[in-house]
Every structure is written in C-alpha cells, then in structure tokens.
Protein backbone atom coordinates (compact mmCIF):
# COMPACT_ATOMS: atom_id res chain seq x y z
CA MET A 1 -7.50 21.44 -17.41
CA SER A 2 -4.61 23.00 -15.43
CA ASP A 3 -4.30 24.34 -12.29
CA HIS A 4 -2.32 27.28 -13.96
CA ALA A 5 -2.74 28.77 -17.72
CA PRO A 6 0.37 27.93 -19.67
CA THR A 7 2.92 30.87 -19.88
CA PRO A 8 5.73 30.84 -22.56
CA ASP A 9 8.28 30.05 -20.24
CA THR A 10 7.90 28.98 -16.29
CA GLN A 11 10.78 28.50 -14.24
CA THR A 12 10.68 25.83 -11.53
CA ASP A 13 13.43 23.85 -9.58
CA VAL A 14 11.78 20.25 -10.77
CA ALA A 15 10.12 19.31 -13.71
CA VAL A 16 8.58 16.06 -13.57
CA ILE A 17 6.77 14.62 -16.71
CA GLY A 18 4.00 12.08 -15.83
CA ALA A 19 1.43 12.08 -13.04
CA GLY A 20 1.42 8.31 -12.19
CA PRO A 21 2.89 6.67 -9.18
CA ALA A 22 6.35 7.54 -9.99
CA GLY A 23 5.96 11.09 -10.92
CA LEU A 24 3.91 11.32 -8.00
CA ALA A 25 6.49 10.00 -5.54
CA ALA A 26 8.98 12.16 -7.21
CA ALA A 27 7.10 15.39 -6.79
CA VAL A 28 6.48 14.61 -3.13
CA ALA A 29 9.97 13.89 -2.34
CA ALA A 30 11.44 17.09 -4.24
CA ALA A 31 8.93 19.46 -2.78
CA SER A 32 9.67 17.71 0.80
CA ALA A 33 13.06 18.77 -0.21
CA GLY A 34 12.76 22.06 -0.43
CA ALA A 35 12.34 22.33 -4.28
CA SER A 36 9.63 23.97 -6.28
CA VAL A 37 8.12 21.64 -8.65
CA THR A 38 5.79 21.63 -11.74
CA VAL A 39 4.28 18.44 -12.93
CA VAL A 40 3.28 18.19 -16.83
CA GLU A 41 0.90 15.23 -17.28
CA LEU A 42 -0.98 14.30 -20.84
CA CYS A 43 -4.09 13.13 -19.33
CA ASP A 44 -6.91 15.28 -17.93
CA ASP A 45 -6.31 13.82 -14.22
CA ILE A 46 -3.50 12.69 -11.90
CA GLY A 47 -2.96 9.29 -11.34
CA GLY A 48 -1.70 7.55 -14.84
CA ARG A 49 -2.29 3.86 -14.95
CA GLY A 50 -1.86 3.59 -10.81
CA ILE A 51 -5.39 4.81 -10.26
CA VAL A 52 -7.07 1.81 -11.70
CA SER A 53 -4.54 -0.52 -10.53
CA GLY A 54 -5.30 -2.94 -7.98
CA GLY A 55 -3.09 -1.14 -5.43
CA ASN A 56 -0.50 -3.92 -4.92
CA ILE A 57 2.72 -2.42 -3.44
CA HIS A 58 6.01 -4.65 -3.62
CA LEU A 59 8.04 -3.19 -0.65
CA GLY A 60 10.02 -5.44 2.19
CA GLY A 61 13.29 -5.06 3.50
CA GLY A 62 11.69 -5.37 7.53
CA ASN A 63 9.01 -2.37 7.04
CA ALA A 64 6.64 -1.80 9.90
CA LEU A 65 3.75 -3.52 8.33
CA GLN A 66 5.77 -6.86 8.07
CA ALA A 67 7.03 -6.18 11.67
CA ARG A 68 3.22 -5.75 12.66
CA LEU A 69 2.30 -9.22 10.92
CA GLY A 70 5.29 -11.12 12.15
CA ILE A 71 6.99 -11.06 9.15
CA GLU A 72 10.93 -11.23 9.60
CA ASP A 73 12.81 -9.75 6.37
CA THR A 74 15.83 -7.88 5.58
CA PRO A 75 17.32 -5.73 2.80
CA ASP A 76 19.61 -8.73 1.90
CA ALA A 77 17.34 -11.36 1.92
CA VAL A 78 15.18 -8.83 -0.94
CA PHE A 79 18.34 -8.75 -2.66
CA ALA A 80 19.22 -12.56 -2.55
CA ASP A 81 15.54 -13.07 -4.09
CA TRP A 82 15.79 -10.55 -6.88
CA VAL A 83 19.09 -11.93 -8.60
CA ARG A 84 18.19 -15.22 -8.38
CA HIS A 85 19.25 -16.75 -11.58
CA ASP A 86 16.72 -19.86 -12.01
CA LEU A 87 13.46 -17.23 -12.54
CA PRO A 88 12.55 -15.21 -15.51
CA GLU A 89 11.19 -12.42 -13.26
CA SER A 90 14.90 -12.04 -11.50
CA ARG A 91 17.33 -13.31 -13.99
CA PHE A 92 17.44 -10.29 -15.98
CA CYS A 93 17.67 -7.91 -13.24
CA ASP A 94 20.23 -4.85 -13.14
CA ARG A 95 22.05 -5.90 -9.83
CA ASP A 96 22.85 -2.28 -8.98
CA LEU A 97 19.11 -1.43 -9.14
CA VAL A 98 18.23 -4.48 -7.04
CA ARG A 99 20.81 -3.39 -4.33
CA ALA A 100 19.25 0.14 -4.53
CA TYR A 101 15.58 -1.09 -4.55
CA ALA A 102 16.36 -3.39 -1.52
CA ASP A 103 18.17 -0.78 0.68
CA HIS A 104 15.17 1.98 0.02
CA SER A 105 12.20 -0.68 0.23
CA VAL A 106 11.93 0.35 4.34
CA GLU A 107 11.90 4.20 4.00
CA THR A 108 9.94 4.09 0.97
CA TYR A 109 7.47 2.44 2.98
CA GLU A 110 7.96 5.16 5.56
CA PHE A 111 7.60 7.72 3.08
CA LEU A 112 4.06 6.42 1.87
CA ALA A 113 2.92 6.21 5.06
CA GLU A 114 4.05 9.60 6.29
CA HIS A 115 2.34 11.12 3.23
CA GLY A 116 -1.20 9.61 3.75
CA VAL A 117 -1.16 6.29 1.87
CA ARG A 118 -2.79 3.21 4.30
CA PHE A 119 -2.34 -0.35 3.75
CA ILE A 120 -4.76 -3.08 4.29
CA ASP A 121 -3.17 -5.25 7.20
CA THR A 122 -2.94 -8.35 5.42
CA PRO A 123 -0.43 -9.70 2.80
CA THR A 124 -2.05 -9.80 -0.77
CA ALA A 125 -0.14 -12.59 -1.80
CA VAL A 126 1.18 -15.91 -0.80
CA LYS A 127 4.80 -16.85 -0.43
CA LEU A 128 6.42 -17.36 -3.75
CA ASP A 129 3.77 -16.59 -5.88
CA VAL A 130 6.37 -15.73 -8.39
CA LYS A 131 4.04 -15.45 -11.39
CA SER A 132 2.24 -12.66 -10.17
CA VAL A 133 4.49 -10.36 -7.69
CA GLY A 134 7.95 -11.75 -8.60
CA PRO A 135 10.51 -13.83 -6.29
CA GLN A 136 9.79 -13.52 -2.39
CA SER A 137 10.72 -15.74 -0.05
CA VAL A 138 8.57 -13.99 3.00
CA PRO A 139 5.60 -11.93 1.85
CA ARG A 140 6.29 -8.39 0.56
CA VAL A 141 3.24 -7.25 -1.67
CA PHE A 142 0.65 -5.19 0.40
CA ARG A 143 -2.20 -3.51 -1.02
CA CYS A 144 -3.44 -0.05 -0.37
CA GLU A 145 -6.96 1.23 1.00
CA GLU A 146 -9.11 2.32 -1.57
CA TRP A 147 -9.54 6.29 -1.86
CA PRO A 148 -12.61 6.76 0.58
CA VAL A 149 -13.87 9.70 -1.71
CA ALA A 150 -16.12 7.87 -4.16
CA GLU A 151 -16.56 11.34 -6.40
CA GLU A 152 -12.75 11.13 -6.61
CA LEU A 153 -12.35 7.76 -7.96
CA ALA A 154 -11.92 6.97 -11.50
CA LEU A 155 -14.27 4.50 -12.18
CA ARG A 156 -16.97 4.97 -9.46
CA GLU A 157 -16.69 1.45 -8.32
CA SER A 158 -14.86 -0.53 -5.79
CA GLY A 159 -11.78 -2.55 -6.08
CA ARG A 160 -9.50 -0.36 -7.64
CA ASN A 161 -7.31 0.22 -4.83
CA GLY A 162 -4.71 2.03 -6.33
CA SER A 163 -6.64 4.99 -5.95
CA GLY A 164 -5.72 5.15 -2.37
CA LEU A 165 -1.97 5.77 -3.26
CA VAL A 166 -2.34 8.17 -5.87
CA ARG A 167 -5.00 10.33 -4.63
CA ALA A 168 -2.87 10.55 -1.07
CA LEU A 169 0.09 11.30 -3.01
CA GLU A 170 -1.51 13.96 -4.74
CA ARG A 171 -3.26 15.33 -1.66
CA SER A 172 0.08 15.88 -0.25
CA ALA A 173 1.83 17.21 -3.35
CA ARG A 174 -0.72 19.78 -3.52
CA ARG A 175 -0.17 20.68 0.29
CA LEU A 176 3.36 20.96 -0.61
CA GLY A 177 2.94 23.29 -3.31
CA VAL A 178 3.48 21.16 -6.57
CA VAL A 179 2.11 22.78 -9.78
CA PHE A 180 0.20 20.32 -12.05
CA ARG A 181 -0.54 21.05 -15.64
CA LEU A 182 -3.23 18.54 -16.85
CA GLY A 183 -3.63 18.13 -20.67
CA HIS A 184 -0.13 18.74 -21.32
CA ARG A 185 2.04 16.78 -23.60
CA MET A 186 5.64 16.83 -23.54
CA THR A 187 7.37 16.82 -27.00
CA ARG A 188 10.64 17.61 -26.62
CA ILE A 189 13.60 18.15 -23.90
CA ALA A 190 15.77 21.11 -25.06
CA PRO A 191 18.92 22.10 -23.98
CA GLY A 192 19.53 24.85 -21.50
CA PRO A 193 22.24 27.21 -21.73
CA GLU A 194 25.32 24.69 -21.30
CA GLY A 195 23.54 22.09 -23.88
CA GLN A 196 22.12 19.66 -21.02
CA PRO A 197 18.52 18.70 -20.86
CA GLN A 198 16.87 21.60 -19.21
CA ILE A 199 13.68 22.82 -20.85
CA VAL A 200 10.70 20.91 -21.47
CA GLU A 201 8.66 21.67 -24.09
CA GLY A 202 5.11 20.45 -25.29
CA THR A 203 1.56 21.37 -26.56
CA ALA A 204 -1.51 21.94 -24.35
CA PRO A 205 -5.00 23.32 -25.28
CA ASP A 206 -3.93 26.82 -25.12
CA GLY A 207 -1.01 26.44 -27.03
CA PRO A 208 2.60 25.50 -26.64
CA PHE A 209 4.68 25.54 -23.18
CA ALA A 210 8.15 25.51 -22.13
CA ILE A 211 9.24 24.76 -18.31
CA THR A 212 12.88 25.54 -18.07
CA ALA A 213 13.81 23.22 -14.64
CA ARG A 214 17.04 24.87 -12.78
CA ARG A 215 18.05 21.50 -10.94
CA GLY A 216 16.62 18.51 -13.01
CA ILE A 217 13.94 16.76 -15.06
CA VAL A 218 12.08 13.32 -13.67
CA LEU A 219 10.75 11.48 -16.90
CA ALA A 220 8.26 9.57 -15.36
CA THR A 221 5.68 8.57 -18.54
CA GLY A 222 4.85 5.25 -17.94
CA GLY A 223 6.42 3.25 -20.34
CA SER A 224 5.93 2.04 -24.13
CA THR A 225 2.95 -0.28 -24.05
CA GLY A 226 0.72 2.19 -26.08
CA ASN A 227 3.42 2.94 -28.89
CA VAL A 228 3.45 0.39 -31.38
CA ASN A 229 6.25 1.67 -33.16
CA PHE A 230 8.50 1.86 -29.96
CA ARG A 231 7.40 -1.60 -28.10
CA ARG A 232 8.04 -3.49 -31.57
CA ILE A 233 11.70 -2.44 -30.93
CA PHE A 234 11.89 -5.24 -27.89
CA ASP A 235 9.19 -7.92 -29.88
CA PRO A 236 8.21 -7.19 -33.29
CA ARG A 237 4.55 -9.53 -32.84
CA LEU A 238 3.27 -6.48 -30.49
CA THR A 239 1.32 -4.91 -33.78
CA GLU A 240 -1.27 -2.56 -33.82
CA GLU A 241 -4.14 -4.86 -32.77
CA TYR A 242 -2.82 -5.33 -29.24
CA GLN A 243 -4.32 -2.96 -27.00
CA GLN A 244 -2.79 -1.84 -23.81
CA VAL A 245 -4.05 -2.40 -20.05
CA GLY A 246 -5.25 0.72 -18.35
CA ALA A 247 -6.07 2.63 -21.60
CA PRO A 248 -7.94 4.60 -21.98
CA VAL A 249 -6.82 6.17 -18.77
CA ALA A 250 -3.28 6.07 -19.49
CA GLN A 251 -1.72 6.20 -22.79
CA GLN A 252 2.05 4.87 -22.19
CA THR A 253 3.35 6.92 -25.41
CA GLY A 254 7.25 6.19 -24.66
CA ASP A 255 7.67 10.08 -24.85
CA GLY A 256 10.21 9.80 -21.83
CA GLU A 257 12.09 7.17 -23.32
CA ILE A 258 12.09 8.81 -27.01
CA ALA A 259 13.04 12.37 -25.19
CA ALA A 260 16.06 11.09 -23.42
CA MET A 261 17.38 8.68 -26.15
CA ALA A 262 17.60 12.27 -28.26
CA TYR A 263 20.33 13.16 -25.49
CA GLY A 264 21.82 9.60 -26.04
CA ALA A 265 20.62 7.72 -23.20
CA SER A 266 20.80 4.07 -23.35
CA LEU A 267 17.76 1.28 -23.23
CA TRP A 268 18.49 -1.36 -20.73
CA GLY A 269 17.21 -4.68 -19.60
CA THR A 270 15.10 -4.99 -23.15
CA ALA A 271 15.84 -8.94 -22.77
CA ALA A 272 13.06 -9.04 -19.86
CA GLN A 273 10.58 -7.41 -21.99
CA THR A 274 11.34 -9.79 -25.21
CA ALA A 275 11.58 -13.06 -23.25
CA GLY A 276 7.84 -12.00 -21.73
CA THR A 277 9.19 -12.00 -18.19
CA CYS A 278 6.42 -11.57 -15.43
CA LEU A 279 3.17 -9.75 -16.90
CA VAL A 280 3.97 -8.75 -20.58
CA MET A 281 0.46 -10.24 -21.92
CA ALA A 282 -2.98 -10.43 -20.65
CA LYS A 283 -6.15 -12.56 -21.33
CA THR A 284 -9.40 -9.99 -21.66
CA HIS A 285 -12.13 -11.30 -19.44
CA HIS A 286 -14.34 -8.34 -20.80
CA ILE A 287 -15.04 -9.31 -24.54
CA GLY A 288 -16.89 -7.26 -27.03
CA CYS A 289 -15.09 -3.99 -26.27
CA ARG A 290 -12.01 -2.42 -27.19
CA TRP A 291 -10.37 -2.68 -23.52
CA GLY A 292 -11.51 -5.79 -21.80
CA TYR A 293 -8.62 -6.10 -18.47
CA LYS A 294 -9.98 -8.75 -16.63
CA ARG A 295 -9.71 -6.93 -13.43
CA LEU A 296 -10.79 -3.35 -15.38
CA LYS A 297 -14.11 -2.70 -16.18
CA TYR A 298 -15.25 0.40 -17.27
CA ARG A 299 -18.79 1.47 -15.72
CA THR A 300 -21.16 3.94 -18.16
CA ASP A 301 -20.96 6.36 -14.79
CA SER A 302 -17.26 6.49 -15.38
CA PRO A 303 -15.88 9.54 -16.47
CA HIS A 304 -13.83 7.64 -18.99
CA PHE A 305 -16.82 5.81 -20.64
CA PRO A 306 -16.97 7.55 -23.03
CA ARG A 307 -13.49 7.03 -24.83
CA ALA A 308 -13.79 3.34 -23.53
CA GLY A 309 -16.90 3.03 -25.29
CA ALA A 310 -18.51 -0.33 -23.78
CA THR A 311 -18.45 -2.24 -20.65
CA GLY A 312 -18.11 -5.36 -22.40
CA LEU A 313 -19.37 -8.73 -21.68
CA THR A 314 -17.78 -10.37 -18.51
CA VAL A 315 -16.91 -14.10 -18.91
CA SER A 316 -17.71 -16.40 -16.09
CA ASP A 317 -17.04 -19.59 -17.88
CA TRP A 318 -14.68 -20.20 -21.07
CA GLN A 319 -16.60 -23.21 -21.61
CA ASN A 320 -19.29 -20.93 -23.09
CA VAL A 321 -17.33 -19.58 -25.94
CA ILE A 322 -14.44 -20.43 -28.52
CA LEU A 323 -11.86 -18.36 -29.28
CA VAL A 324 -10.32 -17.88 -32.76
CA ASN A 325 -7.62 -16.09 -34.71
CA GLN A 326 -8.34 -13.74 -37.74
CA ALA A 327 -8.34 -16.72 -39.94
CA GLY A 328 -11.53 -18.07 -37.90
CA LYS A 329 -9.66 -21.25 -36.78
CA ARG A 330 -8.92 -22.31 -32.64
CA PHE A 331 -5.21 -21.53 -31.69
CA TRP A 332 -5.43 -23.22 -27.91
CA ASN A 333 -7.25 -24.23 -25.11
CA GLU A 334 -9.59 -21.52 -23.89
CA GLU A 335 -9.43 -21.94 -20.58
CA ASP A 336 -5.81 -21.45 -20.52
CA GLU A 337 -3.99 -18.20 -19.29
CA ASP A 338 -0.13 -19.04 -19.21
CA GLN A 339 2.35 -17.72 -21.87
CA ALA A 340 1.76 -20.32 -24.27
CA PHE A 341 -1.76 -19.03 -24.69
CA PHE A 342 -0.32 -15.58 -25.78
CA ASP A 343 2.42 -17.17 -27.82
CA ALA A 344 -0.12 -19.26 -29.75
CA ALA A 345 -2.21 -16.09 -30.33
CA MET A 346 0.75 -14.24 -31.75
CA GLY A 347 1.74 -17.46 -34.05
CA TYR A 348 4.77 -18.06 -32.25
CA CYS A 349 3.19 -21.80 -31.94
CA ARG A 350 2.34 -23.02 -34.85
CA ARG A 351 0.45 -26.10 -35.80
CA GLU A 352 0.86 -27.96 -39.12
CA GLY A 353 -1.23 -26.17 -41.58
CA ALA A 354 -2.19 -23.28 -39.49
CA PRO A 355 -1.96 -20.00 -40.73
CA ASP A 356 0.05 -17.37 -39.60
CA GLY A 357 -0.76 -15.95 -35.88
CA GLY A 358 -1.13 -12.39 -35.06
CA GLY A 359 -4.61 -10.33 -35.73
CA PRO A 360 -7.52 -10.22 -33.81
CA ILE A 361 -9.11 -12.85 -31.47
CA TRP A 362 -12.77 -13.69 -31.60
CA ALA A 363 -14.90 -15.01 -28.85
CA ILE A 364 -17.49 -16.97 -30.87
CA PHE A 365 -20.57 -18.03 -29.43
CA ASP A 366 -24.50 -18.45 -29.60
CA ALA A 367 -27.72 -17.48 -28.26
CA ASP A 368 -27.46 -20.42 -25.33
CA ALA A 369 -24.20 -19.16 -24.16
CA VAL A 370 -25.94 -15.58 -24.00
CA ALA A 371 -28.79 -17.15 -21.75
CA ARG A 372 -26.19 -19.10 -19.53
CA GLU A 373 -24.19 -15.83 -18.84
CA GLY A 374 -26.98 -13.57 -18.44
CA TRP A 375 -25.31 -11.24 -21.29
CA THR A 376 -27.22 -8.53 -23.09
CA PRO A 377 -25.47 -8.41 -26.40
CA GLU A 378 -25.95 -4.69 -27.24
CA PRO A 379 -24.55 -1.17 -26.65
CA PRO A 380 -23.71 0.14 -23.87
CA HIS A 381 -22.62 -3.47 -23.18
CA VAL A 382 -20.76 -4.03 -26.55
CA ASP A 383 -19.11 -1.81 -29.08
CA PRO A 384 -20.28 -2.13 -32.74
CA ARG A 385 -16.63 -2.15 -33.85
CA TYR A 386 -15.44 -4.59 -32.01
CA PHE A 387 -19.09 -7.07 -32.11
CA ALA A 388 -20.91 -8.88 -34.75
CA LYS A 389 -24.11 -10.90 -34.85
CA GLY A 390 -25.65 -13.04 -37.51
CA GLU A 391 -28.40 -15.54 -37.86
CA THR A 392 -26.18 -17.58 -39.56
CA LEU A 393 -22.11 -18.15 -39.25
CA GLY A 394 -22.19 -16.68 -42.76
CA GLU A 395 -24.35 -13.30 -41.88
CA LEU A 396 -22.02 -13.26 -38.56
CA VAL A 397 -18.88 -12.88 -40.98
CA ALA A 398 -20.61 -10.52 -42.99
CA ASN A 399 -21.13 -8.11 -40.33
CA LEU A 400 -18.19 -8.23 -38.72
CA ASP A 401 -16.41 -4.63 -39.38
CA ASN A 402 -13.03 -4.23 -37.37
CA PRO A 403 -10.50 -1.60 -38.19
CA TYR A 404 -7.66 -4.36 -36.97
CA GLN A 405 -9.29 -7.30 -39.31
CA SER A 406 -7.26 -6.70 -42.18
CA THR A 407 -8.64 -9.27 -44.34
CA PRO A 408 -12.48 -10.87 -44.10
CA LEU A 409 -12.91 -13.79 -41.55
CA ASP A 410 -12.82 -16.97 -43.84
CA ARG A 411 -16.38 -17.95 -43.52
CA ALA A 412 -15.49 -21.63 -44.53
CA ALA A 413 -12.89 -21.85 -42.13
CA LEU A 414 -14.77 -20.36 -39.35
CA ALA A 415 -17.70 -22.91 -40.25
CA GLU A 416 -15.18 -25.97 -40.11
CA THR A 417 -14.28 -24.77 -36.74
CA VAL A 418 -17.40 -24.62 -35.14
CA ALA A 419 -18.39 -27.94 -36.50
CA ARG A 420 -15.22 -29.70 -35.40
CA TYR A 421 -15.75 -27.90 -31.99
CA ASN A 422 -19.27 -29.35 -31.85
CA CYS A 423 -17.94 -33.01 -32.50
CA PHE A 424 -15.52 -32.38 -29.57
CA VAL A 425 -18.59 -31.43 -27.35
CA ALA A 426 -20.31 -34.44 -28.56
CA GLU A 427 -17.50 -36.77 -27.60
CA GLY A 428 -16.38 -34.81 -24.20
CA VAL A 429 -12.79 -34.64 -25.68
CA ASP A 430 -11.20 -31.79 -27.44
CA ARG A 431 -8.94 -33.55 -29.65
CA ASP A 432 -6.90 -30.33 -30.90
CA PHE A 433 -6.29 -28.48 -27.64
CA GLY A 434 -6.94 -30.28 -24.80
CA LYS A 435 -9.87 -28.05 -23.21
CA PRO A 436 -11.13 -30.05 -20.30
CA GLN A 437 -14.42 -31.89 -21.23
CA PRO A 438 -15.92 -29.30 -23.73
CA ARG A 439 -19.44 -28.75 -22.69
CA TYR A 440 -21.82 -26.50 -24.75
CA PRO A 441 -22.00 -26.85 -28.81
CA ILE A 442 -22.21 -23.65 -30.74
CA ALA A 443 -25.47 -24.26 -32.54
CA ARG A 444 -28.43 -21.84 -31.76
CA PRO A 445 -28.81 -18.66 -33.71
CA PRO A 446 -28.26 -16.19 -33.41
CA PHE A 447 -24.35 -16.25 -33.61
CA TYR A 448 -21.93 -13.81 -32.10
CA ALA A 449 -18.28 -12.70 -32.53
CA ALA A 450 -16.82 -10.54 -29.74
CA TRP A 451 -13.20 -8.79 -29.51
CA ALA A 452 -11.03 -10.90 -26.98
CA THR A 453 -7.47 -10.27 -28.21
CA PRO A 454 -5.00 -10.44 -25.74
CA MET A 455 -3.94 -6.91 -24.14
CA ILE A 456 -0.30 -5.85 -23.30
CA HIS A 457 0.26 -5.33 -19.78
CA ASP A 458 3.38 -4.32 -18.36
CA SER A 459 6.77 -2.33 -19.62
CA LEU A 460 9.48 -3.95 -18.52
CA ALA A 461 12.14 -2.38 -20.43
CA GLY A 462 13.19 1.35 -20.85
CA LEU A 463 15.83 3.64 -19.99
CA ARG A 464 19.19 2.74 -18.40
CA ILE A 465 19.22 4.15 -14.76
CA ASP A 466 21.56 3.87 -11.52
CA GLY A 467 20.93 3.33 -8.27
CA GLY A 468 20.03 7.26 -7.67
CA ALA A 469 17.60 7.14 -10.81
CA ARG A 470 19.96 8.75 -12.91
CA VAL A 471 19.69 8.59 -16.78
CA ILE A 472 22.73 6.73 -18.24
CA GLY A 473 23.68 7.61 -21.74
CA LEU A 474 25.59 5.07 -24.53
CA ASP A 475 28.90 6.29 -22.80
CA GLY A 476 27.96 4.68 -19.39
CA ALA A 477 28.09 8.33 -17.78
CA PRO A 478 24.96 10.01 -16.46
CA ILE A 479 23.27 12.54 -18.33
CA PRO A 480 23.62 15.80 -15.99
CA GLY A 481 20.06 16.63 -14.57
CA LEU A 482 18.03 13.90 -16.14
CA PHE A 483 16.36 11.19 -14.01
CA CYS A 484 13.70 8.53 -14.58
CA ALA A 485 11.69 5.83 -12.65
CA GLY A 486 8.44 3.72 -13.27
CA GLU A 487 8.13 1.59 -16.40
CA SER A 488 9.94 4.25 -18.35
CA HIS A 489 13.39 2.94 -17.11
CA GLY A 490 14.35 -0.58 -17.40
CA GLY A 491 16.75 -3.19 -15.82
CA PHE A 492 14.16 -4.32 -12.90
CA PRO A 493 11.29 -5.93 -14.69
CA GLN A 494 9.18 -5.94 -11.63
CA HIS A 495 5.03 -6.02 -11.97
CA GLY A 496 3.10 -3.71 -9.34
CA LEU A 497 3.76 -0.27 -7.79
CA GLY A 498 6.84 -1.01 -5.62
CA ARG A 499 9.79 0.14 -8.22
CA SER A 500 7.55 3.00 -9.51
CA VAL A 501 7.12 4.92 -6.00
CA LEU A 502 10.79 3.37 -4.74
CA PHE A 503 12.61 4.78 -7.86
CA GLY A 504 10.20 8.02 -8.06
CA ARG A 505 11.37 9.15 -4.80
CA LEU A 506 14.66 8.50 -5.66
CA ALA A 507 14.93 10.48 -8.51
CA GLY A 508 12.84 13.20 -6.89
CA LEU A 509 15.25 13.26 -4.08
CA GLY A 510 18.38 13.36 -6.65
CA ALA A 511 16.75 16.26 -8.99
CA ALA A 512 16.13 18.33 -5.58
CA ARG A 513 19.59 18.27 -4.32
CA ARG A 514 21.39 18.68 -7.43
CA GLU A 515 22.61 22.29 -7.88
CA GLY A 516 21.30 24.22 -11.25
C-alpha cells in the first residue's frame, strides 16, 4: 500500500495531498527546488483521474512544440483568449489566474519535457474547438504519448494517454526522493505551534497518521464531483444518482476544499459550475454499468474491474435504444449530447404534463437491438444492479432493482412510451423530440433496461487561489503555508490537464521556497 509504514508523526518540508496530475507536478517541482516531499494519496495507485484521461494538455504561449509545428503564439494571446466575455468557458475566469496561466505556460511545457513527458507532434484539437478545449485562437492542446510499459497502465488497454503524463512525473518524483503514502486519506489539517495549518492528519490501513509540513501543504485532492453534498452547493440537481467520470479510479471527495474551509478559505468562481460551462456533464456510452463514460471502459483484466463491476454495452448507434427517465417517459432526442440533453435529464427543461426530472435514466431496447449492436447482455458486460431483462415490459419493470430508482418504474407509462415511439418509427418522424428518422421499433422480446444516466465530469469551482497558487481566505489574504492546484481550485474553469500541472508546479515551488 505504501512506500513506508505510517509513523505517529513524520516530518517533511512539503506535504502534498493527492497524487494526480496536480499533486505530482507539485511534488516534482518542490523536490527539484531542494525540499523534502511526502505525498498522501487516498487511492492505491498514483495518477488520480489523470491516468485514465485522454492525455490532452492545454499549454501555449509559444512553446517548443508549437514552434516545431509552425504555430505562432504569445502569452498575451493566451490571456486575451481566456478573458473573452462572449464565451461561457472564459466568462467566469479570474483574470489574475489567467495571467499566471498565460505567463507560465511555456515554462510548464519545458518542465514536463524535462521530466520525461513526451508529446505527439500533432495538435489534437482544431482551431477554436471551444466546447471541448476552451477558447484558443491558435492550437494549444497537445496529447501526451501513452506510457510504454503495458503492465503499468491502469486499464491494460491503449488510448489512455494520460498515463504518459502521470507515470513520467511519478518516475521523476521517485528519483528525486519523493515519498508516497498510498491508501492514506487526509481527514484534517491541524494547526502548528503558531496556529497556522501545518499538520496533515488522516487514516491509513495501519492506523492513524500525522505528517508535519515545515514549509507548506499543497491541496491537490481532485475536486468535489464525488461528494454529493458538496457538489450540490453549486447545483442542487446533482443528486446521488449522477456518477462521476473517472470513478472508481479517482474518488474526488472534496477533502481538500473542506479542510481548507475550516481555516476560512474562500470558494471561488462558483458561477462556472452553476452555469454549466465547459464539461460539467457527460453522456454515458457504455450502458448497463455504473460508470460508463464514453472514453473510459473498464476491461475485465483491469485491476479496477472488481470495483467497476461491468464493462458495459457500448452503444454504436443511438437509433437502437430509447432513453426514459425514472417515470418511464422519454425526455429528449437520444442522439443529442449538448447541454440541453443534460438539463432535460435533470428536469430543468420540462414539457407540459411531464413528470419532474432527476433520477436514473434507462436505455430501453429489444432483442433485435442486441443483435444489431452485437451485444452480450449478461455479466461481466452488464451489472445486474444496473440492468434488467424481461419477456414483457411488465416483467422488465418487475426485474429492475436499482438503489437509485426510488420509486418503481411506471409500467403503464413505459408501455405507452414504447408504443408511441413505435408509431414514430412507422411514420419516420419523431413528433416529440425530433430524433432524425427513428428507424427501429422496440417489439421483439426479450426487452432490456440498461443504466444510461449522465455522469458528472469536471469540477469547475473550488478554493480561491492567487497567481502563486496560495489559498486565499474570506478576508482576501493568503492563508500561510496553504497551497492548492488542480480541480480543487476555482476561478479558471478549463477542461483538461493544463491548469492542473501548471498550478501544481507553482504550488510546489511556492511551498518549497517558503520559510518554515
């Protein structure tokens, strides 16, 4: 579980809480500056959500890769893009954080290259592909090369290029003497002799632990998407049925935010989360399992599979299913993936006579759909808690037993929904939601219901930090010795790994250079 068994009290210069991209960048930066570093990580592996990410890193300003590709860019151009008032991705940005991001992008790229991160020499996003990567007047999003050691990949399959970032930083951190304590959960940041946050306390398999950080503590716990109570601060609709992208690999508990708020830390940029800018919700593409993010599929040989529970049935054509809410009624065009889809699923967009939204979303299909998709609708492809089968629609409803379906699916409503949709198929026109030329009726038993509830993607709000990644209190002053980076901080709602590694590096440097 850990490099070293826990002791009642460990002394270190810098304590980093979280071993994802931000925490790893902080640890490497602090250790490179001569500080001793101990990293506390809740999970039993290093990498957080970054290790199962696509590996896209948003860094520009005129870095070496841009130069090789003939892309002209400057820090001022980066700044101008990320303070645009006409785009939701940049409208709620803190200008001080954007300035720091713009000014430190090039050196962060150089930092990653120095520590073994390799990039594919082709931009991974087209110019102004705002919805997926944020505003960019020139290409600034580049993808890491996947880590080449297969047994060190999280999923045992290709395509998770984020492994090339986290494994490279991990290797460099270990070479610099960074100590990792895996399976350790921080539960409290206690004050030192002068009343400032200095001691990391928590629990581990071997019992409680305490780590005294002489110079500083870096919070890099990965945001709050996995904490139902905390995420509902920003949007009360985000109730417990909405699972998180990256689980069960990364938990995103909000522990860092909660610990800092006990010292008067301020939240920041909450409008970005509430307004749904950037990637807040994601449509599942692997149905019938608890976690079915479209770019993340848990294979049976993955070390995470016992917790994932099923691989899921991958949907290649949304014409093969209809989506119904917990009341058994369709709510939107199944082929859609924009924000309106998620608002409709959560009940924000309501049609006259429709039930309140929220609750599970189920993909309903028949035996013909199974044959067209080539699915095997049984474990380990599906999780029985998130999947049901029946020879009739009534039997299907009776067999549905899911912890998030608070009231039984309405049999009559589901039967009416299926019958109405079958009429649309016969006519070739979806008169309710405009699904283009609905093609396949749901008519041949057995019938199936598979979990297809949208997932929460990014934490876009968190603690207030300044341009040096220092945590700021409600009084507007820095909290001595407390730093934050990654999805745990607010004020800069950028999707991807760029902001995490950039502010992680700044946090590590700031903590290492601080006098204890």
